[in-house]
Structures are given as C-alpha cells and as structure tokens.
Amino acid sequence: MTLDELTAAVAKETGMTKASASKAVHAVLNAIQNALAQGQRVSIAGFGVFEVSHRPARTGRNPRTGETIQIAATNAIKFKPGKGLRDAVNK
C-alpha cells in the first residue's frame, strides 16, 4: 500500500475529503517521526510499538577485499507488532 492508497482508504473510511485525509495521514506520520527523532517510544494500542535502538560503532570486514573497516554508530528503528495486528494478519 502506498501513501496515496492509504490516504484514499482513510478518506473512504471516515467520509473525509481526500485533501483532509491526506493532511490527517501526514500529521500522524510526522508526529511518529518527530517522536522517534527525539528518542521517544511510540505505542499504538492494538497496532504496535515503534522504538529507536542504538547500534554502537563496530569493526567490519569488506567481503571483496578482506580489508577491515570501521562502521559508524547509528540509530535503528524497531517495530514490534501488537496482538491485534498479529491476530489480523494470522487469520
């Protein structure tokens, strides 16, 4: 599902115009993104939990040359689905 398809589905489900639904969808996605950027945990009951996980710097190896390289530290986003989502997918 693309962003446009999601917007259309929200518009159909709520009776909103597509423009209003697009603003609502973008507002929700921006709120989630901003919370994660601040290191906060986003929990949506019945859907799941988004979290930021820190990956420390480490030494890796270039598989082509065998040369050791330094891999920089990074933040990764983790998603753990909620029971409602798992049950809906595993019907």
N, C-alpha and C. Protein backbone atom coordinates (compact mmCIF):
# COMPACT_ATOMS: atom_id res chain seq x y z
N MET A 1 0.84 -1.17 0.00
CA MET A 1 0.00 0.00 0.00
C MET A 1 0.89 1.24 0.00
N THR A 2 0.58 2.15 -0.89
CA THR A 2 1.34 3.40 -0.98
C THR A 2 0.68 4.46 -0.12
N LEU A 3 1.35 5.60 0.01
CA LEU A 3 0.80 6.71 0.78
C LEU A 3 -0.52 7.19 0.18
N ASP A 4 -0.60 7.26 -1.15
CA ASP A 4 -1.85 7.68 -1.80
C ASP A 4 -2.97 6.68 -1.54
N GLU A 5 -2.67 5.40 -1.57
CA GLU A 5 -3.68 4.39 -1.28
C GLU A 5 -4.13 4.46 0.18
N LEU A 6 -3.20 4.71 1.08
CA LEU A 6 -3.55 4.87 2.49
C LEU A 6 -4.45 6.08 2.68
N THR A 7 -4.11 7.19 2.04
CA THR A 7 -4.93 8.39 2.12
C THR A 7 -6.33 8.14 1.59
N ALA A 8 -6.44 7.44 0.47
CA ALA A 8 -7.74 7.13 -0.10
C ALA A 8 -8.55 6.23 0.83
N ALA A 9 -7.89 5.27 1.47
CA ALA A 9 -8.59 4.37 2.39
C ALA A 9 -9.09 5.13 3.62
N VAL A 10 -8.30 6.06 4.13
CA VAL A 10 -8.72 6.87 5.27
C VAL A 10 -9.89 7.76 4.87
N ALA A 11 -9.83 8.35 3.70
CA ALA A 11 -10.92 9.21 3.22
C ALA A 11 -12.22 8.40 3.09
N LYS A 12 -12.12 7.21 2.55
CA LYS A 12 -13.31 6.36 2.37
C LYS A 12 -13.87 5.92 3.72
N GLU A 13 -13.00 5.52 4.65
CA GLU A 13 -13.43 5.01 5.96
C GLU A 13 -14.06 6.10 6.82
N THR A 14 -13.53 7.32 6.73
CA THR A 14 -14.00 8.39 7.61
C THR A 14 -15.01 9.32 6.96
N GLY A 15 -15.14 9.27 5.64
CA GLY A 15 -16.03 10.19 4.94
C GLY A 15 -15.40 11.56 4.73
N MET A 16 -14.11 11.67 4.97
CA MET A 16 -13.39 12.93 4.76
C MET A 16 -13.09 13.10 3.28
N THR A 17 -12.76 14.33 2.89
CA THR A 17 -12.27 14.53 1.54
C THR A 17 -10.84 13.97 1.48
N LYS A 18 -10.38 13.73 0.26
CA LYS A 18 -9.02 13.21 0.13
C LYS A 18 -7.99 14.22 0.62
N ALA A 19 -8.25 15.50 0.44
CA ALA A 19 -7.31 16.53 0.91
C ALA A 19 -7.23 16.52 2.44
N SER A 20 -8.37 16.42 3.09
CA SER A 20 -8.39 16.38 4.56
C SER A 20 -7.75 15.10 5.07
N ALA A 21 -8.04 13.99 4.43
CA ALA A 21 -7.46 12.72 4.84
C ALA A 21 -5.94 12.75 4.65
N SER A 22 -5.48 13.38 3.58
CA SER A 22 -4.04 13.48 3.33
C SER A 22 -3.38 14.29 4.44
N LYS A 23 -4.00 15.38 4.87
CA LYS A 23 -3.45 16.18 5.96
C LYS A 23 -3.40 15.36 7.25
N ALA A 24 -4.45 14.58 7.51
CA ALA A 24 -4.51 13.77 8.73
C ALA A 24 -3.43 12.70 8.72
N VAL A 25 -3.29 12.00 7.59
CA VAL A 25 -2.28 10.94 7.49
C VAL A 25 -0.88 11.53 7.65
N HIS A 26 -0.62 12.64 6.98
CA HIS A 26 0.70 13.27 7.10
C HIS A 26 0.96 13.75 8.53
N ALA A 27 -0.08 14.25 9.21
CA ALA A 27 0.09 14.70 10.59
C ALA A 27 0.45 13.55 11.50
N VAL A 28 -0.19 12.40 11.32
CA VAL A 28 0.11 11.23 12.14
C VAL A 28 1.54 10.74 11.87
N LEU A 29 1.89 10.63 10.61
CA LEU A 29 3.24 10.15 10.27
C LEU A 29 4.31 11.11 10.76
N ASN A 30 4.07 12.42 10.66
CA ASN A 30 5.04 13.41 11.15
C ASN A 30 5.17 13.34 12.66
N ALA A 31 4.05 13.14 13.36
CA ALA A 31 4.11 13.03 14.83
C ALA A 31 4.93 11.82 15.25
N ILE A 32 4.74 10.69 14.57
CA ILE A 32 5.52 9.49 14.87
C ILE A 32 7.00 9.74 14.58
N GLN A 33 7.29 10.33 13.43
CA GLN A 33 8.67 10.61 13.03
C GLN A 33 9.35 11.54 14.02
N ASN A 34 8.66 12.60 14.44
CA ASN A 34 9.25 13.56 15.38
C ASN A 34 9.51 12.92 16.74
N ALA A 35 8.59 12.09 17.21
CA ALA A 35 8.78 11.42 18.49
C ALA A 35 9.98 10.49 18.43
N LEU A 36 10.11 9.72 17.35
CA LEU A 36 11.25 8.81 17.20
C LEU A 36 12.56 9.60 17.09
N ALA A 37 12.54 10.73 16.41
CA ALA A 37 13.75 11.55 16.27
C ALA A 37 14.21 12.07 17.62
N GLN A 38 13.29 12.24 18.57
CA GLN A 38 13.64 12.69 19.91
C GLN A 38 13.96 11.52 20.83
N GLY A 39 13.96 10.31 20.29
CA GLY A 39 14.30 9.13 21.07
C GLY A 39 13.14 8.57 21.88
N GLN A 40 11.93 9.04 21.62
CA GLN A 40 10.76 8.57 22.36
C GLN A 40 10.23 7.26 21.78
N ARG A 41 9.49 6.56 22.59
CA ARG A 41 8.83 5.31 22.19
C ARG A 41 7.40 5.66 21.78
N VAL A 42 6.93 5.12 20.65
CA VAL A 42 5.57 5.38 20.18
C VAL A 42 4.80 4.07 20.27
N SER A 43 3.78 4.07 21.12
CA SER A 43 2.98 2.87 21.34
C SER A 43 1.54 3.14 20.90
N ILE A 44 1.06 2.36 19.95
CA ILE A 44 -0.31 2.48 19.45
C ILE A 44 -1.02 1.18 19.83
N ALA A 45 -1.95 1.28 20.78
CA ALA A 45 -2.63 0.11 21.32
C ALA A 45 -3.29 -0.70 20.21
N GLY A 46 -3.06 -2.00 20.22
CA GLY A 46 -3.63 -2.90 19.23
C GLY A 46 -2.88 -2.93 17.91
N PHE A 47 -1.98 -1.99 17.71
CA PHE A 47 -1.23 -1.94 16.45
C PHE A 47 0.21 -2.34 16.66
N GLY A 48 0.92 -1.63 17.56
CA GLY A 48 2.30 -1.98 17.82
C GLY A 48 3.08 -0.87 18.46
N VAL A 49 4.38 -1.09 18.58
CA VAL A 49 5.29 -0.16 19.25
C VAL A 49 6.47 0.12 18.33
N PHE A 50 6.77 1.41 18.16
CA PHE A 50 7.95 1.86 17.44
C PHE A 50 8.96 2.31 18.47
N GLU A 51 10.22 1.88 18.33
CA GLU A 51 11.28 2.28 19.25
C GLU A 51 12.55 2.59 18.47
N VAL A 52 13.39 3.43 19.07
CA VAL A 52 14.70 3.71 18.50
C VAL A 52 15.72 2.88 19.26
N SER A 53 16.57 2.17 18.53
CA SER A 53 17.60 1.34 19.12
C SER A 53 18.96 1.86 18.65
N HIS A 54 19.89 2.01 19.57
CA HIS A 54 21.22 2.49 19.22
C HIS A 54 22.13 1.31 18.87
N ARG A 55 22.79 1.43 17.73
CA ARG A 55 23.78 0.43 17.33
C ARG A 55 25.15 1.08 17.47
N PRO A 56 25.99 0.54 18.34
CA PRO A 56 27.31 1.17 18.55
C PRO A 56 28.23 0.97 17.34
N ALA A 57 29.28 1.77 17.29
CA ALA A 57 30.29 1.63 16.23
C ALA A 57 30.96 0.27 16.38
N ARG A 58 31.36 -0.29 15.26
CA ARG A 58 32.00 -1.60 15.29
C ARG A 58 32.96 -1.72 14.12
N THR A 59 33.78 -2.74 14.18
CA THR A 59 34.71 -3.04 13.11
C THR A 59 34.10 -4.11 12.22
N GLY A 60 34.14 -3.87 10.92
CA GLY A 60 33.61 -4.84 9.96
C GLY A 60 34.69 -5.23 8.97
N ARG A 61 34.30 -6.05 8.02
CA ARG A 61 35.25 -6.51 7.02
C ARG A 61 34.62 -6.37 5.63
N ASN A 62 35.37 -5.79 4.71
CA ASN A 62 34.92 -5.69 3.33
C ASN A 62 35.01 -7.09 2.72
N PRO A 63 33.88 -7.67 2.32
CA PRO A 63 33.92 -9.05 1.82
C PRO A 63 34.71 -9.19 0.51
N ARG A 64 34.80 -8.15 -0.26
CA ARG A 64 35.50 -8.23 -1.54
C ARG A 64 37.02 -8.22 -1.35
N THR A 65 37.51 -7.32 -0.48
CA THR A 65 38.95 -7.17 -0.33
C THR A 65 39.49 -7.79 0.95
N GLY A 66 38.63 -8.05 1.92
CA GLY A 66 39.09 -8.58 3.20
C GLY A 66 39.61 -7.50 4.13
N GLU A 67 39.60 -6.26 3.67
CA GLU A 67 40.11 -5.15 4.46
C GLU A 67 39.14 -4.86 5.62
N THR A 68 39.71 -4.56 6.79
CA THR A 68 38.85 -4.20 7.92
C THR A 68 38.45 -2.73 7.79
N ILE A 69 37.19 -2.46 8.11
CA ILE A 69 36.67 -1.10 8.03
C ILE A 69 35.95 -0.77 9.33
N GLN A 70 35.86 0.50 9.62
CA GLN A 70 35.14 0.95 10.81
C GLN A 70 33.72 1.33 10.40
N ILE A 71 32.73 0.72 11.03
CA ILE A 71 31.33 1.01 10.76
C ILE A 71 30.85 1.97 11.84
N ALA A 72 30.31 3.10 11.43
CA ALA A 72 29.91 4.15 12.37
C ALA A 72 28.69 3.74 13.19
N ALA A 73 28.56 4.35 14.35
CA ALA A 73 27.39 4.13 15.20
C ALA A 73 26.16 4.71 14.50
N THR A 74 25.01 4.09 14.74
CA THR A 74 23.78 4.55 14.10
C THR A 74 22.58 4.23 14.98
N ASN A 75 21.49 4.88 14.71
CA ASN A 75 20.24 4.58 15.37
C ASN A 75 19.35 3.81 14.39
N ALA A 76 18.69 2.78 14.87
CA ALA A 76 17.80 1.98 14.03
C ALA A 76 16.40 2.04 14.64
N ILE A 77 15.41 1.91 13.80
CA ILE A 77 14.03 1.92 14.26
C ILE A 77 13.55 0.47 14.31
N LYS A 78 12.98 0.11 15.46
CA LYS A 78 12.42 -1.23 15.63
C LYS A 78 10.91 -1.11 15.74
N PHE A 79 10.21 -2.11 15.20
CA PHE A 79 8.75 -2.16 15.31
C PHE A 79 8.37 -3.52 15.86
N LYS A 80 7.56 -3.50 16.91
CA LYS A 80 7.04 -4.74 17.47
C LYS A 80 5.53 -4.71 17.32
N PRO A 81 4.97 -5.60 16.51
CA PRO A 81 3.52 -5.57 16.28
C PRO A 81 2.75 -5.94 17.54
N GLY A 82 1.59 -5.32 17.69
CA GLY A 82 0.71 -5.61 18.81
C GLY A 82 -0.13 -6.85 18.54
N LYS A 83 -0.82 -7.32 19.56
CA LYS A 83 -1.63 -8.53 19.44
C LYS A 83 -2.73 -8.38 18.40
N GLY A 84 -3.38 -7.24 18.35
CA GLY A 84 -4.45 -7.02 17.38
C GLY A 84 -3.96 -7.14 15.95
N LEU A 85 -2.79 -6.57 15.66
CA LEU A 85 -2.21 -6.63 14.33
C LEU A 85 -1.79 -8.05 13.99
N ARG A 86 -1.13 -8.72 14.94
CA ARG A 86 -0.71 -10.12 14.71
C ARG A 86 -1.92 -10.99 14.42
N ASP A 87 -2.99 -10.82 15.20
CA ASP A 87 -4.19 -11.64 15.01
C ASP A 87 -4.84 -11.36 13.66
N ALA A 88 -4.87 -10.09 13.24
CA ALA A 88 -5.47 -9.74 11.95
C ALA A 88 -4.70 -10.32 10.78
N VAL A 89 -3.37 -10.38 10.91
CA VAL A 89 -2.53 -10.90 9.83
C VAL A 89 -2.58 -12.43 9.78
N ASN A 90 -2.76 -13.06 10.94
CA ASN A 90 -2.72 -14.52 11.02
C ASN A 90 -4.09 -15.17 11.07
N LYS A 91 -5.08 -14.55 10.46
CA LYS A 91 -6.42 -15.13 10.44
C LYS A 91 -6.45 -16.43 9.68
